[in-house]
Amino acid sequence: MDNIELGDIITVKKKHPCGSAEWEVLRVGADIRLKCLGCGHMLLLPRSKVSTMIRKVRRP
């Protein structure tokens, strides 16, 4: 899934330790910055890693 855009809400396969499985996309490029919607934790991951984690993409 390479159709990730800024502001999308993605649901991932494995939940974050806070219990949330939904992340907001804050930055798109070679790396993707994600913000957990449960606790606010932010991650910067390579696009290839994020594309394997995605279960569903929701447009705002």
PDB file of N, CA and C in Angstrom:
ATOM      1  N   MET A   1       0.842  -1.191   0.000  1.00  0.00           N
ATOM      2  CA  MET A   1       0.000   0.000   0.000  1.00  0.00           C
ATOM      3  C   MET A   1       0.878   1.243   0.000  1.00  0.00           C
ATOM      4  N   ASP A   2       1.051   1.838  -1.155  1.00  0.00           N
ATOM      5  CA  ASP A   2       1.861   3.043  -1.226  1.00  0.00           C
ATOM      6  C   ASP A   2       1.031   4.310  -1.382  1.00  0.00           C
ATOM      7  N   ASN A   3      -0.270   4.208  -1.210  1.00  0.00           N
ATOM      8  CA  ASN A   3      -1.117   5.381  -1.395  1.00  0.00           C
ATOM      9  C   ASN A   3      -1.393   6.084  -0.060  1.00  0.00           C
ATOM     10  N   ILE A   4      -0.356   6.259   0.742  1.00  0.00           N
ATOM     11  CA  ILE A   4      -0.478   6.935   2.025  1.00  0.00           C
ATOM     12  C   ILE A   4      -0.297   8.427   1.805  1.00  0.00           C
ATOM     13  N   GLU A   5      -1.202   9.218   2.370  1.00  0.00           N
ATOM     14  CA  GLU A   5      -1.141  10.667   2.225  1.00  0.00           C
ATOM     15  C   GLU A   5      -1.126  11.334   3.586  1.00  0.00           C
ATOM     16  N   LEU A   6      -0.707  12.575   3.610  1.00  0.00           N
ATOM     17  CA  LEU A   6      -0.668  13.359   4.827  1.00  0.00           C
ATOM     18  C   LEU A   6      -2.064  13.463   5.432  1.00  0.00           C
ATOM     19  N   GLY A   7      -2.196  13.210   6.720  1.00  0.00           N
ATOM     20  CA  GLY A   7      -3.477  13.315   7.401  1.00  0.00           C
ATOM     21  C   GLY A   7      -4.283  12.031   7.454  1.00  0.00           C
ATOM     22  N   ASP A   8      -3.847  10.988   6.743  1.00  0.00           N
ATOM     23  CA  ASP A   8      -4.556   9.704   6.778  1.00  0.00           C
ATOM     24  C   ASP A   8      -4.479   9.088   8.168  1.00  0.00           C
ATOM     25  N   ILE A   9      -5.479   8.290   8.498  1.00  0.00           N
ATOM     26  CA  ILE A   9      -5.470   7.494   9.721  1.00  0.00           C
ATOM     27  C   ILE A   9      -5.274   6.053   9.278  1.00  0.00           C
ATOM     28  N   ILE A  10      -4.205   5.416   9.760  1.00  0.00           N
ATOM     29  CA  ILE A  10      -3.957   4.029   9.369  1.00  0.00           C
ATOM     30  C   ILE A  10      -4.172   3.111  10.568  1.00  0.00           C
ATOM     31  N   THR A  11      -4.719   1.944  10.295  1.00  0.00           N
ATOM     32  CA  THR A  11      -4.863   0.903  11.301  1.00  0.00           C
ATOM     33  C   THR A  11      -3.785  -0.129  11.023  1.00  0.00           C
ATOM     34  N   VAL A  12      -3.019  -0.483  12.050  1.00  0.00           N
ATOM     35  CA  VAL A  12      -1.909  -1.417  11.889  1.00  0.00           C
ATOM     36  C   VAL A  12      -2.276  -2.786  12.450  1.00  0.00           C
ATOM     37  N   LYS A  13      -1.501  -3.803  12.052  1.00  0.00           N
ATOM     38  CA  LYS A  13      -1.772  -5.176  12.454  1.00  0.00           C
ATOM     39  C   LYS A  13      -1.510  -5.415  13.941  1.00  0.00           C
ATOM     40  N   LYS A  14      -0.426  -4.849  14.458  1.00  0.00           N
ATOM     41  CA  LYS A  14      -0.053  -5.071  15.848  1.00  0.00           C
ATOM     42  C   LYS A  14      -0.311  -3.805  16.659  1.00  0.00           C
ATOM     43  N   LYS A  15      -1.011  -3.924  17.783  1.00  0.00           N
ATOM     44  CA  LYS A  15      -1.347  -2.768  18.601  1.00  0.00           C
ATOM     45  C   LYS A  15      -0.133  -2.203  19.313  1.00  0.00           C
ATOM     46  N   HIS A  16      -0.187  -0.897  19.563  1.00  0.00           N
ATOM     47  CA  HIS A  16       0.817  -0.196  20.350  1.00  0.00           C
ATOM     48  C   HIS A  16       0.632  -0.616  21.817  1.00  0.00           C
ATOM     49  N   PRO A  17       1.647  -0.563  22.658  1.00  0.00           N
ATOM     50  CA  PRO A  17       1.492  -0.944  24.071  1.00  0.00           C
ATOM     51  C   PRO A  17       0.385  -0.194  24.818  1.00  0.00           C
ATOM     52  N   CYS A  18      -0.004   0.987  24.351  1.00  0.00           N
ATOM     53  CA  CYS A  18      -1.090   1.725  25.005  1.00  0.00           C
ATOM     54  C   CYS A  18      -2.451   1.130  24.677  1.00  0.00           C
ATOM     55  N   GLY A  19      -2.508   0.231  23.684  1.00  0.00           N
ATOM     56  CA  GLY A  19      -3.761  -0.433  23.329  1.00  0.00           C
ATOM     57  C   GLY A  19      -4.376   0.054  22.028  1.00  0.00           C
ATOM     58  N   SER A  20      -3.856   1.130  21.473  1.00  0.00           N
ATOM     59  CA  SER A  20      -4.399   1.679  20.232  1.00  0.00           C
ATOM     60  C   SER A  20      -3.730   1.040  19.008  1.00  0.00           C
ATOM     61  N   ALA A  21      -4.505   0.858  17.947  1.00  0.00           N
ATOM     62  CA  ALA A  21      -3.960   0.323  16.695  1.00  0.00           C
ATOM     63  C   ALA A  21      -4.076   1.349  15.576  1.00  0.00           C
ATOM     64  N   GLU A  22      -4.464   2.588  15.919  1.00  0.00           N
ATOM     65  CA  GLU A  22      -4.650   3.631  14.910  1.00  0.00           C
ATOM     66  C   GLU A  22      -3.575   4.698  15.046  1.00  0.00           C
ATOM     67  N   TRP A  23      -3.036   5.110  13.890  1.00  0.00           N
ATOM     68  CA  TRP A  23      -1.969   6.098  13.820  1.00  0.00           C
ATOM     69  C   TRP A  23      -2.331   7.157  12.787  1.00  0.00           C
ATOM     70  N   GLU A  24      -1.957   8.406  13.042  1.00  0.00           N
ATOM     71  CA  GLU A  24      -2.149   9.501  12.096  1.00  0.00           C
ATOM     72  C   GLU A  24      -0.845   9.747  11.360  1.00  0.00           C
ATOM     73  N   VAL A  25      -0.919   9.966  10.046  1.00  0.00           N
ATOM     74  CA  VAL A  25       0.262  10.232   9.232  1.00  0.00           C
ATOM     75  C   VAL A  25       0.560  11.731   9.290  1.00  0.00           C
ATOM     76  N   LEU A  26       1.749  12.075   9.810  1.00  0.00           N
ATOM     77  CA  LEU A  26       2.138  13.482   9.954  1.00  0.00           C
ATOM     78  C   LEU A  26       3.140  13.927   8.900  1.00  0.00           C
ATOM     79  N   ARG A  27       3.903  12.991   8.322  1.00  0.00           N
ATOM     80  CA  ARG A  27       4.919  13.332   7.325  1.00  0.00           C
ATOM     81  C   ARG A  27       5.035  12.182   6.346  1.00  0.00           C
ATOM     82  N   VAL A  28       5.135  12.509   5.066  1.00  0.00           N
ATOM     83  CA  VAL A  28       5.264  11.500   4.023  1.00  0.00           C
ATOM     84  C   VAL A  28       6.482  11.833   3.176  1.00  0.00           C
ATOM     85  N   GLY A  29       7.287  10.840   2.899  1.00  0.00           N
ATOM     86  CA  GLY A  29       8.485  10.986   2.075  1.00  0.00           C
ATOM     87  C   GLY A  29       9.154   9.628   2.016  1.00  0.00           C
ATOM     88  N   ALA A  30      10.482   9.595   2.038  1.00  0.00           N
ATOM     89  CA  ALA A  30      11.198   8.324   2.120  1.00  0.00           C
ATOM     90  C   ALA A  30      10.906   7.680   3.469  1.00  0.00           C
ATOM     91  N   ASP A  31      10.751   8.516   4.496  1.00  0.00           N
ATOM     92  CA  ASP A  31      10.334   8.073   5.821  1.00  0.00           C
ATOM     93  C   ASP A  31       8.931   8.604   6.085  1.00  0.00           C
ATOM     94  N   ILE A  32       8.212   7.922   6.950  1.00  0.00           N
ATOM     95  CA  ILE A  32       6.856   8.343   7.302  1.00  0.00           C
ATOM     96  C   ILE A  32       6.792   8.561   8.803  1.00  0.00           C
ATOM     97  N   ARG A  33       6.324   9.743   9.223  1.00  0.00           N
ATOM     98  CA  ARG A  33       6.154  10.026  10.650  1.00  0.00           C
ATOM     99  C   ARG A  33       4.713   9.718  11.031  1.00  0.00           C
ATOM    100  N   LEU A  34       4.570   8.917  12.092  1.00  0.00           N
ATOM    101  CA  LEU A  34       3.264   8.504  12.576  1.00  0.00           C
ATOM    102  C   LEU A  34       3.059   8.976  14.005  1.00  0.00           C
ATOM    103  N   LYS A  35       1.801   9.304  14.350  1.00  0.00           N
ATOM    104  CA  LYS A  35       1.457   9.693  15.707  1.00  0.00           C
ATOM    105  C   LYS A  35       0.365   8.760  16.206  1.00  0.00           C
ATOM    106  N   CYS A  36       0.616   8.115  17.350  1.00  0.00           N
ATOM    107  CA  CYS A  36      -0.363   7.199  17.937  1.00  0.00           C
ATOM    108  C   CYS A  36      -1.573   8.008  18.395  1.00  0.00           C
ATOM    109  N   LEU A  37      -2.771   7.548  18.040  1.00  0.00           N
ATOM    110  CA  LEU A  37      -3.979   8.266  18.441  1.00  0.00           C
ATOM    111  C   LEU A  37      -4.401   7.934  19.865  1.00  0.00           C
ATOM    112  N   GLY A  38      -3.751   6.945  20.477  1.00  0.00           N
ATOM    113  CA  GLY A  38      -4.059   6.594  21.856  1.00  0.00           C
ATOM    114  C   GLY A  38      -3.282   7.431  22.859  1.00  0.00           C
ATOM    115  N   CYS A  39      -1.954   7.495  22.686  1.00  0.00           N
ATOM    116  CA  CYS A  39      -1.111   8.157  23.683  1.00  0.00           C
ATOM    117  C   CYS A  39      -0.309   9.338  23.146  1.00  0.00           C
ATOM    118  N   GLY A  40      -0.279   9.529  21.810  1.00  0.00           N
ATOM    119  CA  GLY A  40       0.439  10.656  21.234  1.00  0.00           C
ATOM    120  C   GLY A  40       1.901  10.386  20.905  1.00  0.00           C
ATOM    121  N   HIS A  41       2.359   9.157  21.110  1.00  0.00           N
ATOM    122  CA  HIS A  41       3.745   8.789  20.799  1.00  0.00           C
ATOM    123  C   HIS A  41       3.998   8.933  19.300  1.00  0.00           C
ATOM    124  N   MET A  42       5.179   9.430  18.924  1.00  0.00           N
ATOM    125  CA  MET A  42       5.504   9.619  17.504  1.00  0.00           C
ATOM    126  C   MET A  42       6.645   8.705  17.074  1.00  0.00           C
ATOM    127  N   LEU A  43       6.543   8.202  15.855  1.00  0.00           N
ATOM    128  CA  LEU A  43       7.556   7.337  15.255  1.00  0.00           C
ATOM    129  C   LEU A  43       7.932   7.871  13.886  1.00  0.00           C
ATOM    130  N   LEU A  44       9.180   7.655  13.502  1.00  0.00           N
ATOM    131  CA  LEU A  44       9.641   7.953  12.146  1.00  0.00           C
ATOM    132  C   LEU A  44      10.180   6.647  11.590  1.00  0.00           C
ATOM    133  N   LEU A  45       9.468   6.068  10.627  1.00  0.00           N
ATOM    134  CA  LEU A  45       9.804   4.762  10.075  1.00  0.00           C
ATOM    135  C   LEU A  45       9.987   4.832   8.571  1.00  0.00           C
ATOM    136  N   PRO A  46      10.815   3.946   8.007  1.00  0.00           N
ATOM    137  CA  PRO A  46      10.940   3.882   6.548  1.00  0.00           C
ATOM    138  C   PRO A  46       9.615   3.471   5.902  1.00  0.00           C
ATOM    139  N   ARG A  47       9.370   3.984   4.713  1.00  0.00           N
ATOM    140  CA  ARG A  47       8.127   3.698   3.995  1.00  0.00           C
ATOM    141  C   ARG A  47       7.904   2.189   3.818  1.00  0.00           C
ATOM    142  N   SER A  48       8.968   1.429   3.549  1.00  0.00           N
ATOM    143  CA  SER A  48       8.837  -0.010   3.340  1.00  0.00           C
ATOM    144  C   SER A  48       8.335  -0.715   4.600  1.00  0.00           C
ATOM    145  N   LYS A  49       8.783  -0.293   5.767  1.00  0.00           N
ATOM    146  CA  LYS A  49       8.346  -0.885   7.034  1.00  0.00           C
ATOM    147  C   LYS A  49       6.876  -0.579   7.297  1.00  0.00           C
ATOM    148  N   VAL A  50       6.482   0.667   7.049  1.00  0.00           N
ATOM    149  CA  VAL A  50       5.093   1.078   7.288  1.00  0.00           C
ATOM    150  C   VAL A  50       4.142   0.333   6.359  1.00  0.00           C
ATOM    151  N   SER A  51       4.540   0.137   5.104  1.00  0.00           N
ATOM    152  CA  SER A  51       3.649  -0.519   4.143  1.00  0.00           C
ATOM    153  C   SER A  51       3.365  -1.968   4.533  1.00  0.00           C
ATOM    154  N   THR A  52       4.278  -2.627   5.261  1.00  0.00           N
ATOM    155  CA  THR A  52       4.015  -3.997   5.715  1.00  0.00           C
ATOM    156  C   THR A  52       3.156  -4.026   6.978  1.00  0.00           C
ATOM    157  N   MET A  53       3.105  -2.918   7.719  1.00  0.00           N
ATOM    158  CA  MET A  53       2.340  -2.859   8.968  1.00  0.00           C
ATOM    159  C   MET A  53       0.855  -2.575   8.755  1.00  0.00           C
ATOM    160  N   ILE A  54       0.497  -1.996   7.624  1.00  0.00           N
ATOM    161  CA  ILE A  54      -0.850  -1.463   7.410  1.00  0.00           C
ATOM    162  C   ILE A  54      -1.900  -2.548   7.209  1.00  0.00           C
ATOM    163  N   ARG A  55      -3.018  -2.377   7.904  1.00  0.00           N
ATOM    164  CA  ARG A  55      -4.187  -3.219   7.684  1.00  0.00           C
ATOM    165  C   ARG A  55      -5.261  -2.438   6.919  1.00  0.00           C
ATOM    166  N   LYS A  56      -5.445  -1.147   7.271  1.00  0.00           N
ATOM    167  CA  LYS A  56      -6.479  -0.334   6.637  1.00  0.00           C
ATOM    168  C   LYS A  56      -6.073   1.132   6.642  1.00  0.00           C
ATOM    169  N   VAL A  57      -6.415   1.861   5.573  1.00  0.00           N
ATOM    170  CA  VAL A  57      -6.160   3.305   5.486  1.00  0.00           C
ATOM    171  C   VAL A  57      -7.493   4.017   5.435  1.00  0.00           C
ATOM    172  N   ARG A  58      -7.647   5.028   6.277  1.00  0.00           N
ATOM    173  CA  ARG A  58      -8.894   5.816   6.336  1.00  0.00           C
ATOM    174  C   ARG A  58      -8.569   7.262   6.048  1.00  0.00           C
ATOM    175  N   ARG A  59      -9.252   7.836   5.083  1.00  0.00           N
ATOM    176  CA  ARG A  59      -9.063   9.258   4.760  1.00  0.00           C
ATOM    177  C   ARG A  59      -9.851  10.107   5.751  1.00  0.00           C
ATOM    178  N   PRO A  60      -9.298  11.274   6.130  1.00  0.00           N
ATOM    179  CA  PRO A  60     -10.014  12.136   7.090  1.00  0.00           C
ATOM    180  C   PRO A  60     -11.238  12.792   6.483  1.00  0.00           C
TER     181      PRO A  60
END
